[in-house]
């Protein structure tokens, strides 16, 4: 799948696969974060699936912020 740069991502919620891609992690790592309530961000549940807030992913990656 071809992902746009995170700066151009305008979806409010990312799938586990999309979030894993941007965070350079395996999807299973994000699922583990969700199960253990660990990791740098928390998912929301959308129709029984995990969703990852795009703004939180951008914040972790420091996109659009001055460092």
PDB file of N, CA and C in Angstrom:
ATOM      1  N   UNK A   1       0.835  -1.175   0.000  1.00  0.00           N
ATOM      2  CA  UNK A   1       0.000   0.000   0.000  1.00  0.00           C
ATOM      3  C   UNK A   1       0.881   1.241   0.000  1.00  0.00           C
ATOM      4  N   UNK A   2       0.452   2.249  -0.723  1.00  0.00           N
ATOM      5  CA  UNK A   2       1.208   3.488  -0.813  1.00  0.00           C
ATOM      6  C   UNK A   2       0.622   4.504   0.161  1.00  0.00           C
ATOM      7  N   UNK A   3       1.415   4.915   1.134  1.00  0.00           N
ATOM      8  CA  UNK A   3       0.958   5.861   2.156  1.00  0.00           C
ATOM      9  C   UNK A   3       1.453   7.264   1.818  1.00  0.00           C
ATOM     10  N   UNK A   4       0.587   8.270   1.957  1.00  0.00           N
ATOM     11  CA  UNK A   4       1.079   9.646   1.781  1.00  0.00           C
ATOM     12  C   UNK A   4       1.985  10.017   2.944  1.00  0.00           C
ATOM     13  N   UNK A   5       2.811  11.026   2.782  1.00  0.00           N
ATOM     14  CA  UNK A   5       3.621  11.482   3.921  1.00  0.00           C
ATOM     15  C   UNK A   5       2.703  11.840   5.087  1.00  0.00           C
ATOM     16  N   UNK A   6       3.160  11.616   6.288  1.00  0.00           N
ATOM     17  CA  UNK A   6       2.333  11.866   7.474  1.00  0.00           C
ATOM     18  C   UNK A   6       1.882  13.326   7.529  1.00  0.00           C
ATOM     19  N   UNK A   7       2.690  14.238   7.017  1.00  0.00           N
ATOM     20  CA  UNK A   7       2.312  15.648   7.010  1.00  0.00           C
ATOM     21  C   UNK A   7       1.060  15.886   6.173  1.00  0.00           C
ATOM     22  N   UNK A   8       0.847  15.058   5.168  1.00  0.00           N
ATOM     23  CA  UNK A   8      -0.297  15.203   4.270  1.00  0.00           C
ATOM     24  C   UNK A   8      -1.484  14.330   4.665  1.00  0.00           C
ATOM     25  N   UNK A   9      -1.307  13.515   5.674  1.00  0.00           N
ATOM     26  CA  UNK A   9      -2.386  12.605   6.099  1.00  0.00           C
ATOM     27  C   UNK A   9      -3.482  13.432   6.769  1.00  0.00           C
ATOM     28  N   UNK A  10      -4.702  13.349   6.240  1.00  0.00           N
ATOM     29  CA  UNK A  10      -5.787  14.154   6.790  1.00  0.00           C
ATOM     30  C   UNK A  10      -6.915  13.318   7.394  1.00  0.00           C
ATOM     31  N   UNK A  11      -6.739  12.000   7.427  1.00  0.00           N
ATOM     32  CA  UNK A  11      -7.729  11.154   8.095  1.00  0.00           C
ATOM     33  C   UNK A  11      -7.615  11.365   9.604  1.00  0.00           C
ATOM     34  N   UNK A  12      -8.729  11.473  10.324  1.00  0.00           N
ATOM     35  CA  UNK A  12      -8.626  11.673  11.774  1.00  0.00           C
ATOM     36  C   UNK A  12      -8.129  10.438  12.521  1.00  0.00           C
ATOM     37  N   UNK A  13      -8.404   9.261  11.977  1.00  0.00           N
ATOM     38  CA  UNK A  13      -8.029   8.005  12.626  1.00  0.00           C
ATOM     39  C   UNK A  13      -7.284   7.127  11.627  1.00  0.00           C
ATOM     40  N   UNK A  14      -6.179   6.554  12.071  1.00  0.00           N
ATOM     41  CA  UNK A  14      -5.396   5.639  11.248  1.00  0.00           C
ATOM     42  C   UNK A  14      -5.684   4.201  11.644  1.00  0.00           C
ATOM     43  N   UNK A  15      -5.580   3.296  10.684  1.00  0.00           N
ATOM     44  CA  UNK A  15      -5.671   1.876  11.003  1.00  0.00           C
ATOM     45  C   UNK A  15      -4.389   1.466  11.719  1.00  0.00           C
ATOM     46  N   UNK A  16      -4.395   0.290  12.283  1.00  0.00           N
ATOM     47  CA  UNK A  16      -3.190  -0.216  12.947  1.00  0.00           C
ATOM     48  C   UNK A  16      -2.045  -0.312  11.956  1.00  0.00           C
ATOM     49  N   UNK A  17      -2.310  -0.794  10.759  1.00  0.00           N
ATOM     50  CA  UNK A  17      -1.268  -0.912   9.738  1.00  0.00           C
ATOM     51  C   UNK A  17      -0.686   0.434   9.335  1.00  0.00           C
ATOM     52  N   UNK A  18      -1.563   1.421   9.174  1.00  0.00           N
ATOM     53  CA  UNK A  18      -1.091   2.762   8.814  1.00  0.00           C
ATOM     54  C   UNK A  18      -0.256   3.370   9.931  1.00  0.00           C
ATOM     55  N   UNK A  19      -0.758   3.301  11.149  1.00  0.00           N
ATOM     56  CA  UNK A  19      -0.018   3.863  12.281  1.00  0.00           C
ATOM     57  C   UNK A  19       1.336   3.164  12.440  1.00  0.00           C
ATOM     58  N   UNK A  20       1.357   1.858  12.285  1.00  0.00           N
ATOM     59  CA  UNK A  20       2.610   1.110  12.392  1.00  0.00           C
ATOM     60  C   UNK A  20       3.600   1.562  11.316  1.00  0.00           C
ATOM     61  N   UNK A  21       3.107   1.776  10.116  1.00  0.00           N
ATOM     62  CA  UNK A  21       3.963   2.244   9.028  1.00  0.00           C
ATOM     63  C   UNK A  21       4.625   3.573   9.402  1.00  0.00           C
ATOM     64  N   UNK A  22       3.814   4.545   9.830  1.00  0.00           N
ATOM     65  CA  UNK A  22       4.356   5.863  10.154  1.00  0.00           C
ATOM     66  C   UNK A  22       5.290   5.828  11.358  1.00  0.00           C
ATOM     67  N   UNK A  23       5.008   4.959  12.312  1.00  0.00           N
ATOM     68  CA  UNK A  23       5.838   4.877  13.519  1.00  0.00           C
ATOM     69  C   UNK A  23       7.012   3.919  13.356  1.00  0.00           C
ATOM     70  N   UNK A  24       7.114   3.291  12.180  1.00  0.00           N
ATOM     71  CA  UNK A  24       8.191   2.343  11.886  1.00  0.00           C
ATOM     72  C   UNK A  24       8.211   1.188  12.894  1.00  0.00           C
ATOM     73  N   UNK A  25       7.024   0.645  13.133  1.00  0.00           N
ATOM     74  CA  UNK A  25       6.853  -0.493  14.031  1.00  0.00           C
ATOM     75  C   UNK A  25       6.023  -1.555  13.323  1.00  0.00           C
ATOM     76  N   UNK A  26       6.040  -2.753  13.836  1.00  0.00           N
ATOM     77  CA  UNK A  26       5.176  -3.815  13.320  1.00  0.00           C
ATOM     78  C   UNK A  26       3.761  -3.604  13.876  1.00  0.00           C
ATOM     79  N   UNK A  27       2.734  -3.937  13.086  1.00  0.00           N
ATOM     80  CA  UNK A  27       1.366  -3.806  13.603  1.00  0.00           C
ATOM     81  C   UNK A  27       1.153  -4.538  14.926  1.00  0.00           C
ATOM     82  N   UNK A  28       1.806  -5.685  15.080  1.00  0.00           N
ATOM     83  CA  UNK A  28       1.639  -6.439  16.316  1.00  0.00           C
ATOM     84  C   UNK A  28       2.155  -5.661  17.525  1.00  0.00           C
ATOM     85  N   UNK A  29       3.154  -4.831  17.328  1.00  0.00           N
ATOM     86  CA  UNK A  29       3.658  -3.998  18.425  1.00  0.00           C
ATOM     87  C   UNK A  29       2.571  -3.049  18.903  1.00  0.00           C
ATOM     88  N   UNK A  30       1.853  -2.436  17.967  1.00  0.00           N
ATOM     89  CA  UNK A  30       0.776  -1.522  18.340  1.00  0.00           C
ATOM     90  C   UNK A  30      -0.361  -2.275  19.026  1.00  0.00           C
ATOM     91  N   UNK A  31      -0.650  -3.468  18.555  1.00  0.00           N
ATOM     92  CA  UNK A  31      -1.688  -4.272  19.212  1.00  0.00           C
ATOM     93  C   UNK A  31      -1.282  -4.611  20.643  1.00  0.00           C
ATOM     94  N   UNK A  32      -0.005  -4.879  20.829  1.00  0.00           N
ATOM     95  CA  UNK A  32       0.498  -5.163  22.177  1.00  0.00           C
ATOM     96  C   UNK A  32       0.378  -3.922  23.059  1.00  0.00           C
ATOM     97  N   UNK A  33       0.704  -2.744  22.514  1.00  0.00           N
ATOM     98  CA  UNK A  33       0.534  -1.501  23.263  1.00  0.00           C
ATOM     99  C   UNK A  33      -0.914  -1.375  23.720  1.00  0.00           C
ATOM    100  N   UNK A  34      -1.840  -1.714  22.832  1.00  0.00           N
ATOM    101  CA  UNK A  34      -3.266  -1.592  23.160  1.00  0.00           C
ATOM    102  C   UNK A  34      -3.655  -2.575  24.261  1.00  0.00           C
ATOM    103  N   UNK A  35      -3.206  -3.815  24.148  1.00  0.00           N
ATOM    104  CA  UNK A  35      -3.558  -4.837  25.144  1.00  0.00           C
ATOM    105  C   UNK A  35      -2.959  -4.532  26.511  1.00  0.00           C
ATOM    106  N   UNK A  36      -1.724  -4.104  26.520  1.00  0.00           N
ATOM    107  CA  UNK A  36      -1.015  -3.858  27.778  1.00  0.00           C
ATOM    108  C   UNK A  36      -1.213  -2.432  28.306  1.00  0.00           C
ATOM    109  N   UNK A  37      -1.882  -1.614  27.496  1.00  0.00           N
ATOM    110  CA  UNK A  37      -2.059  -0.196  27.837  1.00  0.00           C
ATOM    111  C   UNK A  37      -0.708   0.448  28.120  1.00  0.00           C
ATOM    112  N   UNK A  38       0.215   0.171  27.211  1.00  0.00           N
ATOM    113  CA  UNK A  38       1.572   0.719  27.297  1.00  0.00           C
ATOM    114  C   UNK A  38       1.860   1.426  25.973  1.00  0.00           C
ATOM    115  N   UNK A  39       3.052   1.863  25.802  1.00  0.00           N
ATOM    116  CA  UNK A  39       3.402   2.522  24.554  1.00  0.00           C
ATOM    117  C   UNK A  39       3.123   4.010  24.607  1.00  0.00           C
ATOM    118  N   UNK A  40       3.539   4.720  23.578  1.00  0.00           N
ATOM    119  CA  UNK A  40       3.441   6.175  23.595  1.00  0.00           C
ATOM    120  C   UNK A  40       2.062   6.739  23.247  1.00  0.00           C
ATOM    121  N   UNK A  41       1.116   5.911  22.795  1.00  0.00           N
ATOM    122  CA  UNK A  41      -0.227   6.402  22.494  1.00  0.00           C
ATOM    123  C   UNK A  41      -1.251   5.314  22.724  1.00  0.00           C
ATOM    124  N   UNK A  42      -2.488   5.730  22.872  1.00  0.00           N
ATOM    125  CA  UNK A  42      -3.585   4.802  23.137  1.00  0.00           C
ATOM    126  C   UNK A  42      -4.545   4.807  21.959  1.00  0.00           C
ATOM    127  N   UNK A  43      -5.030   3.660  21.596  1.00  0.00           N
ATOM    128  CA  UNK A  43      -5.986   3.600  20.492  1.00  0.00           C
ATOM    129  C   UNK A  43      -7.404   3.902  20.973  1.00  0.00           C
ATOM    130  N   UNK A  44      -8.265   4.127  20.008  1.00  0.00           N
ATOM    131  CA  UNK A  44      -9.686   4.170  20.290  1.00  0.00           C
ATOM    132  C   UNK A  44     -10.295   2.979  19.568  1.00  0.00           C
ATOM    133  N   UNK A  45     -11.460   2.584  19.979  1.00  0.00           N
ATOM    134  CA  UNK A  45     -12.126   1.449  19.335  1.00  0.00           C
ATOM    135  C   UNK A  45     -13.185   1.979  18.386  1.00  0.00           C
ATOM    136  N   UNK A  46     -13.093   1.553  17.130  1.00  0.00           N
ATOM    137  CA  UNK A  46     -14.025   1.962  16.092  1.00  0.00           C
ATOM    138  C   UNK A  46     -14.624   0.698  15.486  1.00  0.00           C
ATOM    139  N   UNK A  47     -15.906   0.477  15.753  1.00  0.00           N
ATOM    140  CA  UNK A  47     -16.591  -0.720  15.233  1.00  0.00           C
ATOM    141  C   UNK A  47     -15.826  -2.000  15.550  1.00  0.00           C
ATOM    142  N   UNK A  48     -15.334  -2.106  16.763  1.00  0.00           N
ATOM    143  CA  UNK A  48     -14.637  -3.314  17.201  1.00  0.00           C
ATOM    144  C   UNK A  48     -13.186  -3.414  16.747  1.00  0.00           C
ATOM    145  N   UNK A  49     -12.693  -2.392  16.107  1.00  0.00           N
ATOM    146  CA  UNK A  49     -11.299  -2.395  15.651  1.00  0.00           C
ATOM    147  C   UNK A  49     -10.537  -1.268  16.333  1.00  0.00           C
ATOM    148  N   UNK A  50      -9.220  -1.398  16.317  1.00  0.00           N
ATOM    149  CA  UNK A  50      -8.386  -0.349  16.894  1.00  0.00           C
ATOM    150  C   UNK A  50      -8.202   0.782  15.887  1.00  0.00           C
ATOM    151  N   UNK A  51      -8.290   1.992  16.369  1.00  0.00           N
ATOM    152  CA  UNK A  51      -8.008   3.165  15.561  1.00  0.00           C
ATOM    153  C   UNK A  51      -7.007   4.022  16.312  1.00  0.00           C
ATOM    154  N   UNK A  52      -6.110   4.617  15.585  1.00  0.00           N
ATOM    155  CA  UNK A  52      -5.026   5.390  16.194  1.00  0.00           C
ATOM    156  C   UNK A  52      -5.156   6.839  15.749  1.00  0.00           C
ATOM    157  N   UNK A  53      -5.367   7.763  16.693  1.00  0.00           N
ATOM    158  CA  UNK A  53      -5.557   9.169  16.333  1.00  0.00           C
ATOM    159  C   UNK A  53      -4.361   9.740  15.568  1.00  0.00           C
ATOM    160  N   UNK A  54      -4.633  10.251  14.391  1.00  0.00           N
ATOM    161  CA  UNK A  54      -3.585  10.783  13.524  1.00  0.00           C
ATOM    162  C   UNK A  54      -2.800  11.895  14.213  1.00  0.00           C
ATOM    163  N   UNK A  55      -3.493  12.776  14.917  1.00  0.00           N
ATOM    164  CA  UNK A  55      -2.800  13.888  15.579  1.00  0.00           C
ATOM    165  C   UNK A  55      -1.824  13.390  16.638  1.00  0.00           C
ATOM    166  N   UNK A  56      -2.154  12.299  17.320  1.00  0.00           N
ATOM    167  CA  UNK A  56      -1.231  11.750  18.317  1.00  0.00           C
ATOM    168  C   UNK A  56       0.001  11.158  17.640  1.00  0.00           C
ATOM    169  N   UNK A  57      -0.208  10.494  16.503  1.00  0.00           N
ATOM    170  CA  UNK A  57       0.932   9.939  15.759  1.00  0.00           C
ATOM    171  C   UNK A  57       1.828  11.083  15.298  1.00  0.00           C
ATOM    172  N   UNK A  58       1.231  12.148  14.770  1.00  0.00           N
ATOM    173  CA  UNK A  58       2.016  13.306  14.331  1.00  0.00           C
ATOM    174  C   UNK A  58       2.774  13.923  15.503  1.00  0.00           C
ATOM    175  N   UNK A  59       2.138  13.988  16.649  1.00  0.00           N
ATOM    176  CA  UNK A  59       2.786  14.551  17.834  1.00  0.00           C
ATOM    177  C   UNK A  59       4.007  13.721  18.229  1.00  0.00           C
ATOM    178  N   UNK A  60       3.863  12.410  18.221  1.00  0.00           N
ATOM    179  CA  UNK A  60       4.994  11.531  18.552  1.00  0.00           C
ATOM    180  C   UNK A  60       6.144  11.753  17.581  1.00  0.00           C
ATOM    181  N   UNK A  61       5.794  11.934  16.314  1.00  0.00           N
ATOM    182  CA  UNK A  61       6.815  12.133  15.285  1.00  0.00           C
ATOM    183  C   UNK A  61       7.278  13.593  15.200  1.00  0.00           C
ATOM    184  N   UNK A  62       6.686  14.450  16.042  1.00  0.00           N
ATOM    185  CA  UNK A  62       7.017  15.873  16.081  1.00  0.00           C
ATOM    186  C   UNK A  62       6.817  16.537  14.728  1.00  0.00           C
ATOM    187  N   UNK A  63       5.741  16.165  14.051  1.00  0.00           N
ATOM    188  CA  UNK A  63       5.403  16.740  12.762  1.00  0.00           C
ATOM    189  C   UNK A  63       4.684  18.062  12.995  1.00  0.00           C
ATOM    190  N   UNK A  64       5.150  19.108  12.350  1.00  0.00           N
ATOM    191  CA  UNK A  64       4.501  20.396  12.453  1.00  0.00           C
ATOM    192  C   UNK A  64       4.816  21.145  13.736  1.00  0.00           C
ATOM    193  N   UNK A  65       5.745  20.644  14.507  1.00  0.00           N
ATOM    194  CA  UNK A  65       6.117  21.303  15.757  1.00  0.00           C
ATOM    195  C   UNK A  65       7.547  21.809  15.643  1.00  0.00           C
ATOM    196  N   UNK A  66       7.811  22.878  16.348  1.00  0.00           N
ATOM    197  CA  UNK A  66       9.183  23.373  16.408  1.00  0.00           C
ATOM    198  C   UNK A  66       9.921  22.609  17.488  1.00  0.00           C
ATOM    199  N   UNK A  67      11.132  22.234  17.186  1.00  0.00           N
ATOM    200  CA  UNK A  67      11.911  21.430  18.130  1.00  0.00           C
ATOM    201  C   UNK A  67      12.975  22.259  18.794  1.00  0.00           C
TER     202      UNK A  67
END
